[in-house]
Amino acid sequence: MKHLYKFNIILLAVFTFIGCNVDDDDAITVLPVKELTASLVNQGDIIGVSDDATSYDLVISFSEDLPSYATIEYSLDGGATTSSSASTGDNTLVITIPFDVDDNFHDVDLTNFIVVNASARNFTTNITGKTSTKLIRQGFFTATISWADYANDIDFGLQPMSSAWSDTFDWIDVSLGVSSEFLEGQLADGNYAIYAQFYTQPTDVNVNCDMETAAGDFVLDVLAAEDGNVIWFTKITNTEGNVSYTFYTEDPS
């Protein structure tokens, strides 16, 4: 009986020791997944670029300092995907968009945001908010003109006007199509007009004019009834390089 008693005491000590080890283990902690984002912050649908610029620096902002090497992938004017790289600790990335002398605009689309070892660092990456923008030279102007009944043959011209809103007929561009018309030009600050010329019997024709500028897109519906100006406008660039337009559907003189 003495030996059996000693054996039971030893077993009790072993089970007690095992139980203490299990109770003292630390709980497993699962870290929450963080989100790291990139975006075009405080940049509009259209960004005006200086008329004499050879490039433009587009700024991409990150939600926090980068933990490791990263790339932003983007396309220019719908072309092939290009990448630009940032380093650990950066919270912005500058993408330099080239502007050749004959480039009037560029469409930029952010397509991807990649960070090395993102999953191992327990965070996700994506692009939020605005992911695309258009860069336009400050003086660039286009007008797409259309109307419902193409039995009416109308041509259009873009001309500078005098300070008193007199015609100059010094055409910047003319469009001689048969179904719709397109005008474009590089405009200095000043007064301008779009002129309608009928090649069928003049009659009331509702004309839609969709204009794209460095100040934004503008759409006007006007009535063309005879040869003459149908839209007048003024372009102004302030000291900070911001462009503004004022449009008139009646002769402002």
C-alpha atoms as a PDB file:
ATOM      1  CA  MET A   1       0.000   0.000   0.000  1.00  0.00           C
ATOM      2  CA  LYS A   2       2.861   2.379   0.598  1.00  0.00           C
ATOM      3  CA  HIS A   3       4.074   2.050  -3.031  1.00  0.00           C
ATOM      4  CA  LEU A   4       0.599   2.632  -4.460  1.00  0.00           C
ATOM      5  CA  TYR A   5       0.208   5.801  -2.407  1.00  0.00           C
ATOM      6  CA  LYS A   6       3.479   7.239  -3.709  1.00  0.00           C
ATOM      7  CA  PHE A   7       2.509   6.484  -7.327  1.00  0.00           C
ATOM      8  CA  ASN A   8      -0.792   8.366  -6.979  1.00  0.00           C
ATOM      9  CA  ILE A   9       0.990  11.403  -5.576  1.00  0.00           C
ATOM     10  CA  ILE A  10       3.365  11.466  -8.592  1.00  0.00           C
ATOM     11  CA  LEU A  11       0.485  11.292 -11.122  1.00  0.00           C
ATOM     12  CA  LEU A  12      -1.302  14.167  -9.416  1.00  0.00           C
ATOM     13  CA  ALA A  13       1.803  16.340  -9.631  1.00  0.00           C
ATOM     14  CA  VAL A  14       2.216  15.618 -13.390  1.00  0.00           C
ATOM     15  CA  PHE A  15      -1.403  16.503 -14.249  1.00  0.00           C
ATOM     16  CA  THR A  16      -1.206  19.666 -12.182  1.00  0.00           C
ATOM     17  CA  PHE A  17       1.948  20.772 -14.041  1.00  0.00           C
ATOM     18  CA  ILE A  18       0.361  20.195 -17.484  1.00  0.00           C
ATOM     19  CA  GLY A  19      -2.741  22.146 -16.512  1.00  0.00           C
ATOM     20  CA  CYS A  20      -0.678  25.186 -15.478  1.00  0.00           C
ATOM     21  CA  ASN A  21       1.140  25.273 -18.857  1.00  0.00           C
ATOM     22  CA  VAL A  22      -2.130  25.410 -20.843  1.00  0.00           C
ATOM     23  CA  ASP A  23      -3.631  28.163 -18.696  1.00  0.00           C
ATOM     24  CA  ASP A  24      -0.534  30.383 -19.035  1.00  0.00           C
ATOM     25  CA  ASP A  25      -0.475  30.498 -22.929  1.00  0.00           C
ATOM     26  CA  ASP A  26      -1.034  33.973 -24.453  1.00  0.00           C
ATOM     27  CA  ALA A  27      -4.208  34.502 -26.513  1.00  0.00           C
ATOM     28  CA  ILE A  28      -3.715  34.627 -30.318  1.00  0.00           C
ATOM     29  CA  THR A  29      -4.285  38.205 -31.618  1.00  0.00           C
ATOM     30  CA  VAL A  30      -5.557  38.744 -35.190  1.00  0.00           C
ATOM     31  CA  LEU A  31      -4.573  42.193 -36.449  1.00  0.00           C
ATOM     32  CA  PRO A  32      -7.271  44.060 -38.417  1.00  0.00           C
ATOM     33  CA  VAL A  33      -6.622  44.630 -42.118  1.00  0.00           C
ATOM     34  CA  LYS A  34      -5.757  48.273 -42.800  1.00  0.00           C
ATOM     35  CA  GLU A  35      -6.626  50.057 -46.032  1.00  0.00           C
ATOM     36  CA  LEU A  36      -4.026  52.152 -47.824  1.00  0.00           C
ATOM     37  CA  THR A  37      -5.496  54.296 -50.593  1.00  0.00           C
ATOM     38  CA  ALA A  38      -4.270  56.506 -53.405  1.00  0.00           C
ATOM     39  CA  SER A  39      -6.280  59.293 -55.039  1.00  0.00           C
ATOM     40  CA  LEU A  40      -6.284  62.485 -57.090  1.00  0.00           C
ATOM     41  CA  VAL A  41      -7.073  64.868 -54.233  1.00  0.00           C
ATOM     42  CA  ASN A  42      -8.308  68.444 -54.890  1.00  0.00           C
ATOM     43  CA  GLN A  43      -7.906  68.071 -58.634  1.00  0.00           C
ATOM     44  CA  GLY A  44     -10.884  68.607 -60.922  1.00  0.00           C
ATOM     45  CA  ASP A  45     -12.216  66.825 -63.968  1.00  0.00           C
ATOM     46  CA  ILE A  46     -10.220  69.295 -66.071  1.00  0.00           C
ATOM     47  CA  ILE A  47      -6.843  70.819 -65.176  1.00  0.00           C
ATOM     48  CA  GLY A  48      -5.534  73.821 -67.082  1.00  0.00           C
ATOM     49  CA  VAL A  49      -1.929  73.572 -68.265  1.00  0.00           C
ATOM     50  CA  SER A  50       0.147  76.568 -69.310  1.00  0.00           C
ATOM     51  CA  ASP A  51       0.180  77.157 -73.069  1.00  0.00           C
ATOM     52  CA  ASP A  52       3.986  77.051 -73.151  1.00  0.00           C
ATOM     53  CA  ALA A  53       4.396  74.075 -70.785  1.00  0.00           C
ATOM     54  CA  THR A  54       6.485  71.113 -71.928  1.00  0.00           C
ATOM     55  CA  SER A  55       5.178  68.891 -69.099  1.00  0.00           C
ATOM     56  CA  TYR A  56       2.788  68.847 -66.145  1.00  0.00           C
ATOM     57  CA  ASP A  57       3.333  67.303 -62.689  1.00  0.00           C
ATOM     58  CA  LEU A  58       0.217  65.407 -61.607  1.00  0.00           C
ATOM     59  CA  VAL A  59       0.182  64.727 -57.836  1.00  0.00           C
ATOM     60  CA  ILE A  60      -1.138  61.432 -56.411  1.00  0.00           C
ATOM     61  CA  SER A  61      -1.869  61.488 -52.653  1.00  0.00           C
ATOM     62  CA  PHE A  62      -1.685  58.476 -50.300  1.00  0.00           C
ATOM     63  CA  SER A  63      -3.835  58.061 -47.194  1.00  0.00           C
ATOM     64  CA  GLU A  64      -0.673  57.642 -45.078  1.00  0.00           C
ATOM     65  CA  ASP A  65       3.085  57.290 -45.451  1.00  0.00           C
ATOM     66  CA  LEU A  66       3.986  54.281 -47.572  1.00  0.00           C
ATOM     67  CA  PRO A  67       5.291  51.306 -45.559  1.00  0.00           C
ATOM     68  CA  SER A  68       7.252  49.922 -48.513  1.00  0.00           C
ATOM     69  CA  TYR A  69       8.022  50.366 -52.192  1.00  0.00           C
ATOM     70  CA  ALA A  70       4.906  51.138 -54.294  1.00  0.00           C
ATOM     71  CA  THR A  71       3.828  51.790 -57.878  1.00  0.00           C
ATOM     72  CA  ILE A  72       0.905  53.596 -59.454  1.00  0.00           C
ATOM     73  CA  GLU A  73      -0.191  52.285 -62.836  1.00  0.00           C
ATOM     74  CA  TYR A  74      -1.953  54.634 -65.253  1.00  0.00           C
ATOM     75  CA  SER A  75      -2.873  55.050 -68.902  1.00  0.00           C
ATOM     76  CA  LEU A  76      -2.416  58.165 -71.020  1.00  0.00           C
ATOM     77  CA  ASP A  77      -5.047  58.916 -73.679  1.00  0.00           C
ATOM     78  CA  GLY A  78      -6.288  55.327 -73.541  1.00  0.00           C
ATOM     79  CA  GLY A  79      -2.880  53.912 -74.499  1.00  0.00           C
ATOM     80  CA  ALA A  80      -0.698  51.270 -72.888  1.00  0.00           C
ATOM     81  CA  THR A  81      -0.414  51.082 -69.100  1.00  0.00           C
ATOM     82  CA  THR A  82       2.577  52.897 -67.605  1.00  0.00           C
ATOM     83  CA  SER A  83       3.880  52.783 -64.031  1.00  0.00           C
ATOM     84  CA  SER A  84       5.472  55.346 -61.728  1.00  0.00           C
ATOM     85  CA  SER A  85       7.183  54.463 -58.449  1.00  0.00           C
ATOM     86  CA  ALA A  86       7.234  55.823 -54.892  1.00  0.00           C
ATOM     87  CA  SER A  87       9.390  54.825 -51.917  1.00  0.00           C
ATOM     88  CA  THR A  88       8.920  53.979 -48.242  1.00  0.00           C
ATOM     89  CA  GLY A  89       7.801  57.024 -46.244  1.00  0.00           C
ATOM     90  CA  ASP A  90       6.350  58.922 -49.210  1.00  0.00           C
ATOM     91  CA  ASN A  91       2.796  60.263 -48.899  1.00  0.00           C
ATOM     92  CA  THR A  92       2.604  61.679 -52.431  1.00  0.00           C
ATOM     93  CA  LEU A  93       3.786  60.651 -55.861  1.00  0.00           C
ATOM     94  CA  VAL A  94       4.359  63.039 -58.773  1.00  0.00           C
ATOM     95  CA  ILE A  95       3.623  61.716 -62.265  1.00  0.00           C
ATOM     96  CA  THR A  96       5.197  63.938 -64.933  1.00  0.00           C
ATOM     97  CA  ILE A  97       2.979  64.087 -68.025  1.00  0.00           C
ATOM     98  CA  PRO A  98       4.878  65.250 -71.137  1.00  0.00           C
ATOM     99  CA  PHE A  99       3.388  67.957 -73.368  1.00  0.00           C
ATOM    100  CA  ASP A 100       4.892  68.168 -76.835  1.00  0.00           C
ATOM    101  CA  VAL A 101       4.428  71.421 -78.758  1.00  0.00           C
ATOM    102  CA  ASP A 102       1.515  69.917 -80.701  1.00  0.00           C
ATOM    103  CA  ASP A 103      -0.198  68.396 -77.619  1.00  0.00           C
ATOM    104  CA  ASN A 104      -3.292  70.331 -76.551  1.00  0.00           C
ATOM    105  CA  PHE A 105      -4.659  67.842 -74.004  1.00  0.00           C
ATOM    106  CA  HIS A 106      -4.096  64.491 -72.311  1.00  0.00           C
ATOM    107  CA  ASP A 107      -6.569  62.121 -70.638  1.00  0.00           C
ATOM    108  CA  VAL A 108      -5.056  60.428 -67.565  1.00  0.00           C
ATOM    109  CA  ASP A 109      -6.635  57.354 -65.922  1.00  0.00           C
ATOM    110  CA  LEU A 110      -5.246  55.743 -62.757  1.00  0.00           C
ATOM    111  CA  THR A 111      -5.655  51.988 -63.135  1.00  0.00           C
ATOM    112  CA  ASN A 112      -3.874  50.304 -60.197  1.00  0.00           C
ATOM    113  CA  PHE A 113      -2.073  50.868 -56.883  1.00  0.00           C
ATOM    114  CA  ILE A 114       0.471  48.238 -55.882  1.00  0.00           C
ATOM    115  CA  VAL A 115       2.587  47.998 -52.694  1.00  0.00           C
ATOM    116  CA  VAL A 116       5.232  45.332 -52.189  1.00  0.00           C
ATOM    117  CA  ASN A 117       4.324  42.768 -49.480  1.00  0.00           C
ATOM    118  CA  ALA A 118       0.951  44.387 -48.824  1.00  0.00           C
ATOM    119  CA  SER A 119      -0.738  41.129 -47.804  1.00  0.00           C
ATOM    120  CA  ALA A 120       2.126  40.173 -45.501  1.00  0.00           C
ATOM    121  CA  ARG A 121       1.829  43.562 -43.821  1.00  0.00           C
ATOM    122  CA  ASN A 122      -1.903  42.959 -43.378  1.00  0.00           C
ATOM    123  CA  PHE A 123      -3.320  45.819 -45.430  1.00  0.00           C
ATOM    124  CA  THR A 124      -5.144  46.262 -48.737  1.00  0.00           C
ATOM    125  CA  THR A 125      -4.449  48.864 -51.400  1.00  0.00           C
ATOM    126  CA  ASN A 126      -6.785  50.570 -53.824  1.00  0.00           C
ATOM    127  CA  ILE A 127      -7.525  53.815 -55.645  1.00  0.00           C
ATOM    128  CA  THR A 128     -10.422  55.822 -54.226  1.00  0.00           C
ATOM    129  CA  GLY A 129     -12.374  58.889 -55.280  1.00  0.00           C
ATOM    130  CA  LYS A 130     -11.332  60.542 -58.521  1.00  0.00           C
ATOM    131  CA  THR A 131      -9.281  58.217 -60.713  1.00  0.00           C
ATOM    132  CA  SER A 132      -9.194  60.200 -63.963  1.00  0.00           C
ATOM    133  CA  THR A 133      -8.642  63.743 -65.154  1.00  0.00           C
ATOM    134  CA  LYS A 134      -8.080  65.688 -68.367  1.00  0.00           C
ATOM    135  CA  LEU A 135      -5.136  68.060 -68.752  1.00  0.00           C
ATOM    136  CA  ILE A 136      -5.861  70.858 -71.268  1.00  0.00           C
ATOM    137  CA  ARG A 137      -3.729  73.766 -72.377  1.00  0.00           C
ATOM    138  CA  GLN A 138      -5.194  77.016 -71.064  1.00  0.00           C
ATOM    139  CA  GLY A 139      -5.859  78.466 -74.506  1.00  0.00           C
ATOM    140  CA  PHE A 140      -7.269  75.349 -76.182  1.00  0.00           C
ATOM    141  CA  PHE A 141     -10.910  75.554 -77.293  1.00  0.00           C
ATOM    142  CA  THR A 142     -13.125  73.120 -79.199  1.00  0.00           C
ATOM    143  CA  ALA A 143     -16.768  73.274 -80.252  1.00  0.00           C
ATOM    144  CA  THR A 144     -18.792  70.352 -81.610  1.00  0.00           C
ATOM    145  CA  ILE A 145     -21.932  71.654 -83.328  1.00  0.00           C
ATOM    146  CA  SER A 146     -24.916  69.508 -84.316  1.00  0.00           C
ATOM    147  CA  TRP A 147     -28.602  69.831 -85.207  1.00  0.00           C
ATOM    148  CA  ALA A 148     -31.498  67.448 -85.782  1.00  0.00           C
ATOM    149  CA  ASP A 149     -32.492  68.064 -89.427  1.00  0.00           C
ATOM    150  CA  TYR A 150     -29.495  67.674 -91.663  1.00  0.00           C
ATOM    151  CA  ALA A 151     -31.523  68.849 -94.653  1.00  0.00           C
ATOM    152  CA  ASN A 152     -30.292  72.239 -93.444  1.00  0.00           C
ATOM    153  CA  ASP A 153     -26.751  72.794 -94.687  1.00  0.00           C
ATOM    154  CA  ILE A 154     -24.961  75.139 -92.278  1.00  0.00           C
ATOM    155  CA  ASP A 155     -21.253  75.813 -91.960  1.00  0.00           C
ATOM    156  CA  PHE A 156     -19.603  77.474 -88.976  1.00  0.00           C
ATOM    157  CA  GLY A 157     -16.561  79.616 -88.301  1.00  0.00           C
ATOM    158  CA  LEU A 158     -14.665  80.681 -85.166  1.00  0.00           C
ATOM    159  CA  GLN A 159     -13.515  84.303 -85.280  1.00  0.00           C
ATOM    160  CA  PRO A 160     -11.927  86.836 -82.911  1.00  0.00           C
ATOM    161  CA  MET A 161     -14.037  89.904 -82.183  1.00  0.00           C
ATOM    162  CA  SER A 162     -12.944  93.457 -81.493  1.00  0.00           C
ATOM    163  CA  SER A 163     -13.147  94.922 -77.999  1.00  0.00           C
ATOM    164  CA  ALA A 164     -16.454  96.528 -79.133  1.00  0.00           C
ATOM    165  CA  TRP A 165     -17.725  93.157 -80.433  1.00  0.00           C
ATOM    166  CA  SER A 166     -17.321  93.950 -84.122  1.00  0.00           C
ATOM    167  CA  ASP A 167     -16.689  91.117 -86.617  1.00  0.00           C
ATOM    168  CA  THR A 168     -13.127  90.642 -87.847  1.00  0.00           C
ATOM    169  CA  PHE A 169     -13.748  87.633 -90.146  1.00  0.00           C
ATOM    170  CA  ASP A 170     -10.142  86.679 -89.385  1.00  0.00           C
ATOM    171  CA  TRP A 171     -11.092  83.020 -89.120  1.00  0.00           C
ATOM    172  CA  ILE A 172      -9.318  80.920 -86.513  1.00  0.00           C
ATOM    173  CA  ASP A 173     -11.056  77.799 -87.834  1.00  0.00           C
ATOM    174  CA  VAL A 174     -13.930  76.969 -90.193  1.00  0.00           C
ATOM    175  CA  SER A 175     -15.941  73.774 -90.527  1.00  0.00           C
ATOM    176  CA  LEU A 176     -17.554  72.924 -93.878  1.00  0.00           C
ATOM    177  CA  GLY A 177     -19.206  69.592 -93.111  1.00  0.00           C
ATOM    178  CA  VAL A 178     -22.651  68.337 -94.068  1.00  0.00           C
ATOM    179  CA  SER A 179     -24.023  66.706 -90.908  1.00  0.00           C
ATOM    180  CA  SER A 180     -22.118  68.181 -87.942  1.00  0.00           C
ATOM    181  CA  GLU A 181     -19.309  70.661 -87.485  1.00  0.00           C
ATOM    182  CA  PHE A 182     -16.159  70.830 -85.374  1.00  0.00           C
ATOM    183  CA  LEU A 183     -14.140  73.946 -84.542  1.00  0.00           C
ATOM    184  CA  GLU A 184     -10.923  74.253 -82.564  1.00  0.00           C
ATOM    185  CA  GLY A 185      -8.263  76.813 -81.835  1.00  0.00           C
ATOM    186  CA  GLN A 186      -5.616  78.097 -79.460  1.00  0.00           C
ATOM    187  CA  LEU A 187      -7.128  81.273 -78.034  1.00  0.00           C
ATOM    188  CA  ALA A 188      -5.486  84.232 -76.353  1.00  0.00           C
ATOM    189  CA  ASP A 189      -7.572  86.204 -73.862  1.00  0.00           C
ATOM    190  CA  GLY A 190     -10.203  88.332 -75.595  1.00  0.00           C
ATOM    191  CA  ASN A 191     -13.590  88.313 -77.368  1.00  0.00           C
ATOM    192  CA  TYR A 192     -14.711  85.645 -79.843  1.00  0.00           C
ATOM    193  CA  ALA A 193     -17.782  84.479 -81.747  1.00  0.00           C
ATOM    194  CA  ILE A 194     -19.074  81.433 -83.606  1.00  0.00           C
ATOM    195  CA  TYR A 195     -20.576  82.400 -86.963  1.00  0.00           C
ATOM    196  CA  ALA A 196     -23.247  80.448 -88.892  1.00  0.00           C
ATOM    197  CA  GLN A 197     -23.372  80.434 -92.697  1.00  0.00           C
ATOM    198  CA  PHE A 198     -26.409  78.864 -94.415  1.00  0.00           C
ATOM    199  CA  TYR A 199     -25.969  77.022 -97.719  1.00  0.00           C
ATOM    200  CA  THR A 200     -29.646  76.096 -97.878  1.00  0.00           C
ATOM    201  CA  GLN A 201     -32.581  78.459 -97.492  1.00  0.00           C
ATOM    202  CA  PRO A 202     -32.201  80.114 -94.050  1.00  0.00           C
ATOM    203  CA  THR A 203     -34.779  78.905 -91.563  1.00  0.00           C
ATOM    204  CA  ASP A 204     -35.058  78.452 -87.814  1.00  0.00           C
ATOM    205  CA  VAL A 205     -32.678  75.645 -86.794  1.00  0.00           C
ATOM    206  CA  ASN A 206     -32.061  74.628 -83.175  1.00  0.00           C
ATOM    207  CA  VAL A 207     -28.321  74.100 -82.873  1.00  0.00           C
ATOM    208  CA  ASN A 208     -26.468  72.316 -80.058  1.00  0.00           C
ATOM    209  CA  CYS A 209     -22.957  73.558 -79.309  1.00  0.00           C
ATOM    210  CA  ASP A 210     -20.798  71.424 -76.992  1.00  0.00           C
ATOM    211  CA  MET A 211     -17.597  73.282 -76.055  1.00  0.00           C
ATOM    212  CA  GLU A 212     -14.550  71.938 -74.232  1.00  0.00           C
ATOM    213  CA  THR A 213     -12.102  74.332 -72.575  1.00  0.00           C
ATOM    214  CA  ALA A 214      -9.533  74.503 -69.792  1.00  0.00           C
ATOM    215  CA  ALA A 215     -12.278  76.078 -67.656  1.00  0.00           C
ATOM    216  CA  GLY A 216     -14.593  73.095 -68.138  1.00  0.00           C
ATOM    217  CA  ASP A 217     -17.201  71.841 -70.582  1.00  0.00           C
ATOM    218  CA  PHE A 218     -20.046  74.122 -71.681  1.00  0.00           C
ATOM    219  CA  VAL A 219     -23.183  73.171 -73.615  1.00  0.00           C
ATOM    220  CA  LEU A 220     -25.489  75.724 -75.241  1.00  0.00           C
ATOM    221  CA  ASP A 221     -28.619  75.288 -77.360  1.00  0.00           C
ATOM    222  CA  VAL A 222     -29.081  78.253 -79.692  1.00  0.00           C
ATOM    223  CA  LEU A 223     -31.304  79.234 -82.613  1.00  0.00           C
ATOM    224  CA  ALA A 224     -29.671  79.756 -86.009  1.00  0.00           C
ATOM    225  CA  ALA A 225     -32.089  81.592 -88.333  1.00  0.00           C
ATOM    226  CA  GLU A 226     -29.837  83.478 -90.736  1.00  0.00           C
ATOM    227  CA  ASP A 227     -26.209  84.136 -91.570  1.00  0.00           C
ATOM    228  CA  GLY A 228     -24.431  85.643 -88.571  1.00  0.00           C
ATOM    229  CA  ASN A 229     -22.999  85.005 -85.133  1.00  0.00           C
ATOM    230  CA  VAL A 230     -24.926  82.594 -82.902  1.00  0.00           C
ATOM    231  CA  ILE A 231     -22.609  82.513 -79.856  1.00  0.00           C
ATOM    232  CA  TRP A 232     -20.338  85.210 -78.431  1.00  0.00           C
ATOM    233  CA  PHE A 233     -17.854  84.654 -75.616  1.00  0.00           C
ATOM    234  CA  THR A 234     -14.977  86.164 -73.655  1.00  0.00           C
ATOM    235  CA  LYS A 235     -11.924  84.245 -72.407  1.00  0.00           C
ATOM    236  CA  ILE A 236      -9.940  85.529 -69.403  1.00  0.00           C
ATOM    237  CA  THR A 237      -6.890  84.074 -67.615  1.00  0.00           C
ATOM    238  CA  ASN A 238      -6.169  85.396 -64.116  1.00  0.00           C
ATOM    239  CA  THR A 239      -2.762  85.896 -62.489  1.00  0.00           C
ATOM    240  CA  GLU A 240      -2.876  82.368 -61.017  1.00  0.00           C
ATOM    241  CA  GLY A 241      -3.349  80.837 -64.459  1.00  0.00           C
ATOM    242  CA  ASN A 242      -7.023  79.946 -64.008  1.00  0.00           C
ATOM    243  CA  VAL A 243      -9.135  80.303 -67.153  1.00  0.00           C
ATOM    244  CA  SER A 244     -12.747  81.506 -67.229  1.00  0.00           C
ATOM    245  CA  TYR A 245     -15.284  81.955 -70.034  1.00  0.00           C
ATOM    246  CA  THR A 246     -18.408  84.100 -70.292  1.00  0.00           C
ATOM    247  CA  PHE A 247     -20.882  83.100 -73.021  1.00  0.00           C
ATOM    248  CA  TYR A 248     -23.668  85.119 -74.671  1.00  0.00           C
ATOM    249  CA  THR A 249     -26.481  84.000 -76.957  1.00  0.00           C
ATOM    250  CA  GLU A 250     -27.298  87.574 -77.923  1.00  0.00           C
ATOM    251  CA  ASP A 251     -24.967  90.241 -79.275  1.00  0.00           C
ATOM    252  CA  PRO A 252     -23.278  91.718 -76.145  1.00  0.00           C
ATOM    253  CA  SER A 253     -22.450  94.982 -77.907  1.00  0.00           C
END
